[in-house]
């Protein structure tokens, strides 16, 4: 609704007046200043009760304002008024979660806990994954003295939203599983990138159970993320002393050693991890990556293959193998594995580009062009795809098309040196020498020491018969490469013609 329309909406104007009164009263209550609070709530109540919405247009806002009024009455220890406002809200919006919570809250205020819980159970049956309902039910059960029931509700809250840090502390205090909940809190903090706070949670848990393996493993994992590899290694050594076949300890010690640059030692612990669990595809992929880093390419390929035997669609292994095949210049296999990866990640531009480059090396240029064109249908005007299409068109001597692709690429990146150069060369190939010089000079301005571009400028000037410009181009070439014999020869020829 626009501002001017809202001025003439009587329902909305009434709601805004009531809401302001409630908010002002709430603000004073927070400051423990009770002056005028009851009076303001009474005014808000009168506005709401006397201005029931005439249409359903603002029914939800009206109901929420009634719930706010009910909550404020609870804070003022006026439970009857609170219940009355909550009843009105629930009758107007019988499926509103906010209205259910407001009613439950008002019933709890008069110690009608069983009725409050019944209201919340009804709401939960309609909204089983609503965090607010479970939280309110836990609070109500706590008030009623049912501590174990409350704890189960708080567990459910974390099941729904594992990022709610408050309830980890609640469960750590309220259950006998303090190390468990502090570990889970630490893992939640780590997931949010709060690594130092995560360490604090793990350490708090270890105070209560210093030998807890899960806490130690989690702490070691976070130390790796913080690149505190030596500290992490000490923790994993401690675990492996007690449990020599512990898969996670071997795996994480391998990661810590790898982070410290100790590749051979890291590889030993990766192998120990795989002895404990050879079905762990992630570990095989990590081993393959490490072996590639160590330039043990054939062994790396075998490790990637083992990961893919376990899961033929495992993207990290397919990505890693594609990168390795590219390094090994195994282009036929690279094309095949890029195709497999693209079945999983259809529009992954780096993989498409890798496939196109491999096809070019295999001289399957028409297929490379078809791959680029197909991808551009789904990802139009992608600079990397246009760049590869530009290259293929040049190889195929399709210069008119290459000029258009270069123009499109330059509309996205006006200072793309490669596109300017290729556009100039393409113009030269079709005999448009003036246009060629314009593009090539732009490229040379951006990259003055590119000998290939300067040579192309010289050839254009030769075809245009501009000997002075030929001499200038030759001088620029010789500045970059004094041994360029063709430039020396062409300069001499141009000088000779000018002397005549």
Foldseek 3Di string as FASTA:
>chain_A
DDPVVCVVQVLNVLLVQLLVLLVVLVVCVVVVRNPCNVVSLVVSVCSLVVCPDPDCPCLLSSLLSLLSSLVSCLSVLNLVSSQVSLVVSCVSPVLDPSSLLSNLSSCVSVVVLVVSLVSLVVNCVVVVLDLVSLQSNLVSCVSNVNNVSSLVSLVSSCVSPVLPLVSLVVCLVRDPPVLVSLQSSLVSCVVVVNLVVSLVSLVVSCVVPVPDPSSLLSNLVSCVVVLVLVVSLVSLVVVCVVVVQDLSSLQSNLSSCVSVVNLVSSLVSLVSSCVSPVLDLVSLLVNLVSCVVVVVLVVSLVSLVSSCVSPVQPLSSLVSNLVSCVVVLVLVVNLVSLVSNCVVVVQPVVSLLSNLVSCVVVVVLVVSLVSLVVNCVVVPLDLSSLVSNLVSCVVVLVLVVSLVSLVSNCVVPVLPLVSLQSNLVSCVVVPNLVSSLVSLVSSCVSPVLPLVSLVSNLVSCVVVVPLVSNLVSLVSNCVNPVPPVVSVVSNVVSVVVVVD
